[in-house]
């Protein structure tokens, strides 16, 4: 699956309709079916590093003092 197909699948995901305040966690089977699995380039550690790169801790604390 190429990048554009992956984006299309994410945008057009036809899961259950949620109302405000509801949550839905995708099962591994749903992820496999919709997107052919999780791309190893996007591990949780890499996501944390990416957020820290664009939003340093000091700025985060200034933006969200009452977290």
N, C-alpha and C. Protein backbone atom coordinates (compact mmCIF):
# COMPACT_ATOMS: atom_id res chain seq x y z
N UNK A 1 0.85 -1.17 0.00
CA UNK A 1 0.00 0.00 0.00
C UNK A 1 0.90 1.24 0.00
N UNK A 2 0.59 2.19 -0.85
CA UNK A 2 1.40 3.40 -0.90
C UNK A 2 0.84 4.46 0.05
N UNK A 3 1.57 5.55 0.15
CA UNK A 3 1.23 6.61 1.10
C UNK A 3 -0.16 7.18 0.84
N UNK A 4 -0.49 7.47 -0.42
CA UNK A 4 -1.80 8.05 -0.73
C UNK A 4 -2.94 7.09 -0.41
N UNK A 5 -2.73 5.81 -0.66
CA UNK A 5 -3.76 4.83 -0.31
C UNK A 5 -3.96 4.79 1.20
N UNK A 6 -2.87 4.87 1.93
CA UNK A 6 -2.95 4.86 3.39
C UNK A 6 -3.73 6.06 3.91
N UNK A 7 -3.45 7.25 3.35
CA UNK A 7 -4.17 8.46 3.74
C UNK A 7 -5.65 8.31 3.39
N UNK A 8 -5.93 7.82 2.20
CA UNK A 8 -7.33 7.62 1.79
C UNK A 8 -8.05 6.69 2.76
N UNK A 9 -7.40 5.60 3.14
CA UNK A 9 -8.03 4.65 4.07
C UNK A 9 -8.29 5.30 5.43
N UNK A 10 -7.36 6.14 5.87
CA UNK A 10 -7.54 6.80 7.16
C UNK A 10 -8.71 7.78 7.12
N UNK A 11 -8.84 8.50 6.01
CA UNK A 11 -9.89 9.50 5.87
C UNK A 11 -11.26 8.85 5.71
N UNK A 12 -11.31 7.73 4.99
CA UNK A 12 -12.58 7.11 4.67
C UNK A 12 -12.90 5.91 5.57
N UNK A 13 -12.23 5.80 6.70
CA UNK A 13 -12.48 4.69 7.62
C UNK A 13 -13.95 4.69 8.02
N UNK A 14 -14.59 3.58 7.82
CA UNK A 14 -16.03 3.46 8.07
C UNK A 14 -16.28 2.65 9.34
N UNK A 15 -15.66 3.06 10.43
CA UNK A 15 -15.89 2.38 11.70
C UNK A 15 -17.23 2.81 12.26
N UNK A 16 -17.48 2.45 13.50
CA UNK A 16 -18.74 2.84 14.12
C UNK A 16 -18.77 4.35 14.32
N UNK A 17 -19.95 4.92 14.23
CA UNK A 17 -20.12 6.36 14.44
C UNK A 17 -20.12 6.62 15.94
N UNK A 18 -19.30 7.56 16.37
CA UNK A 18 -19.21 7.87 17.78
C UNK A 18 -19.83 9.22 18.05
N UNK A 19 -20.43 9.35 19.22
CA UNK A 19 -20.91 10.65 19.65
C UNK A 19 -19.82 11.29 20.50
N UNK A 20 -19.95 12.57 20.73
CA UNK A 20 -18.94 13.29 21.50
C UNK A 20 -18.78 12.63 22.87
N UNK A 21 -17.52 12.38 23.21
CA UNK A 21 -17.21 11.77 24.50
C UNK A 21 -16.99 10.28 24.44
N UNK A 22 -17.36 9.63 23.34
CA UNK A 22 -17.14 8.19 23.21
C UNK A 22 -15.74 7.93 22.65
N UNK A 23 -15.22 6.76 22.93
CA UNK A 23 -13.92 6.34 22.42
C UNK A 23 -14.06 5.03 21.67
N UNK A 24 -13.14 4.80 20.76
CA UNK A 24 -13.09 3.52 20.07
C UNK A 24 -11.63 3.18 19.83
N UNK A 25 -11.22 2.05 20.32
CA UNK A 25 -9.86 1.59 20.09
C UNK A 25 -9.90 0.55 18.98
N UNK A 26 -8.99 0.69 18.02
CA UNK A 26 -8.93 -0.27 16.93
C UNK A 26 -8.20 -1.52 17.37
N UNK A 27 -8.74 -2.66 16.99
CA UNK A 27 -8.05 -3.92 17.27
C UNK A 27 -6.94 -4.11 16.24
N UNK A 28 -6.02 -4.99 16.53
CA UNK A 28 -4.97 -5.28 15.55
C UNK A 28 -5.55 -5.82 14.26
N UNK A 29 -6.63 -6.59 14.35
CA UNK A 29 -7.28 -7.11 13.13
C UNK A 29 -7.84 -5.97 12.29
N UNK A 30 -8.44 -4.97 12.94
CA UNK A 30 -8.97 -3.81 12.20
C UNK A 30 -7.85 -3.03 11.54
N UNK A 31 -6.74 -2.87 12.24
CA UNK A 31 -5.59 -2.16 11.69
C UNK A 31 -5.01 -2.92 10.51
N UNK A 32 -4.90 -4.23 10.64
CA UNK A 32 -4.39 -5.05 9.54
C UNK A 32 -5.30 -4.94 8.33
N UNK A 33 -6.61 -5.03 8.56
CA UNK A 33 -7.57 -5.01 7.45
C UNK A 33 -7.59 -3.64 6.76
N UNK A 34 -7.56 -2.56 7.54
CA UNK A 34 -7.70 -1.22 6.96
C UNK A 34 -6.40 -0.68 6.38
N UNK A 35 -5.27 -0.98 7.04
CA UNK A 35 -4.02 -0.34 6.64
C UNK A 35 -2.85 -1.30 6.47
N UNK A 36 -3.11 -2.59 6.38
CA UNK A 36 -2.04 -3.58 6.23
C UNK A 36 -1.03 -3.52 7.37
N UNK A 37 -1.49 -3.22 8.57
CA UNK A 37 -0.63 -3.22 9.74
C UNK A 37 -0.07 -1.85 10.07
N UNK A 38 0.77 -1.84 11.08
CA UNK A 38 1.39 -0.60 11.56
C UNK A 38 2.76 -0.48 10.93
N UNK A 39 3.03 0.67 10.34
CA UNK A 39 4.33 0.93 9.72
C UNK A 39 5.38 1.03 10.83
N UNK A 40 6.44 0.21 10.75
CA UNK A 40 7.46 0.24 11.80
C UNK A 40 8.18 1.58 11.93
N UNK A 41 8.05 2.45 10.94
CA UNK A 41 8.65 3.78 11.02
C UNK A 41 7.93 4.66 12.04
N UNK A 42 6.74 4.25 12.47
CA UNK A 42 5.94 5.08 13.37
C UNK A 42 5.73 4.38 14.72
N UNK A 43 6.81 4.12 15.41
CA UNK A 43 6.74 3.50 16.73
C UNK A 43 6.36 4.56 17.77
N UNK A 44 5.86 4.15 18.92
CA UNK A 44 5.54 5.13 19.96
C UNK A 44 6.74 5.99 20.35
N UNK A 45 7.91 5.39 20.41
CA UNK A 45 9.11 6.15 20.77
C UNK A 45 9.40 7.24 19.74
N UNK A 46 9.24 6.92 18.46
CA UNK A 46 9.48 7.91 17.42
C UNK A 46 8.43 9.01 17.47
N UNK A 47 7.21 8.67 17.84
CA UNK A 47 6.16 9.69 17.97
C UNK A 47 6.50 10.66 19.10
N UNK A 48 6.94 10.13 20.22
CA UNK A 48 7.32 10.99 21.35
C UNK A 48 8.48 11.89 20.96
N UNK A 49 9.48 11.33 20.30
CA UNK A 49 10.63 12.12 19.86
C UNK A 49 10.20 13.23 18.89
N UNK A 50 9.26 12.93 18.00
CA UNK A 50 8.80 13.92 17.02
C UNK A 50 8.08 15.07 17.72
N UNK A 51 7.25 14.74 18.71
CA UNK A 51 6.53 15.79 19.45
C UNK A 51 7.52 16.65 20.23
N UNK A 52 8.47 16.02 20.88
CA UNK A 52 9.47 16.77 21.64
C UNK A 52 10.32 17.67 20.74
N UNK A 53 10.53 17.25 19.49
CA UNK A 53 11.32 18.04 18.57
C UNK A 53 10.61 19.34 18.18
N UNK A 54 9.29 19.30 18.08
CA UNK A 54 8.54 20.49 17.68
C UNK A 54 7.96 21.26 18.86
N UNK A 55 7.90 20.62 20.03
CA UNK A 55 7.34 21.27 21.21
C UNK A 55 8.19 20.93 22.43
N UNK A 56 9.26 21.69 22.63
CA UNK A 56 10.14 21.43 23.78
C UNK A 56 9.37 21.53 25.11
N UNK A 57 9.86 20.83 26.11
CA UNK A 57 9.19 20.76 27.42
C UNK A 57 8.89 22.14 28.00
N UNK A 58 9.83 23.07 27.90
CA UNK A 58 9.63 24.41 28.47
C UNK A 58 8.44 25.12 27.81
N UNK A 59 8.38 25.05 26.50
CA UNK A 59 7.27 25.69 25.77
C UNK A 59 5.95 24.99 26.11
N UNK A 60 5.98 23.67 26.19
CA UNK A 60 4.78 22.92 26.56
C UNK A 60 4.25 23.39 27.92
N UNK A 61 5.15 23.53 28.88
CA UNK A 61 4.74 23.96 30.22
C UNK A 61 4.20 25.38 30.22
N UNK A 62 4.73 26.25 29.34
CA UNK A 62 4.20 27.61 29.23
C UNK A 62 2.81 27.61 28.59
N UNK A 63 2.60 26.76 27.59
CA UNK A 63 1.32 26.70 26.90
C UNK A 63 0.25 26.04 27.74
N UNK A 64 0.63 25.06 28.55
CA UNK A 64 -0.33 24.27 29.33
C UNK A 64 0.07 24.27 30.81
N UNK A 65 -0.04 25.43 31.46
CA UNK A 65 0.41 25.51 32.85
C UNK A 65 -0.46 24.72 33.83
N UNK A 66 -1.71 24.48 33.48
CA UNK A 66 -2.63 23.79 34.39
C UNK A 66 -2.92 22.36 33.98
N UNK A 67 -1.98 21.69 33.37
CA UNK A 67 -2.21 20.35 32.86
C UNK A 67 -2.42 19.35 33.93
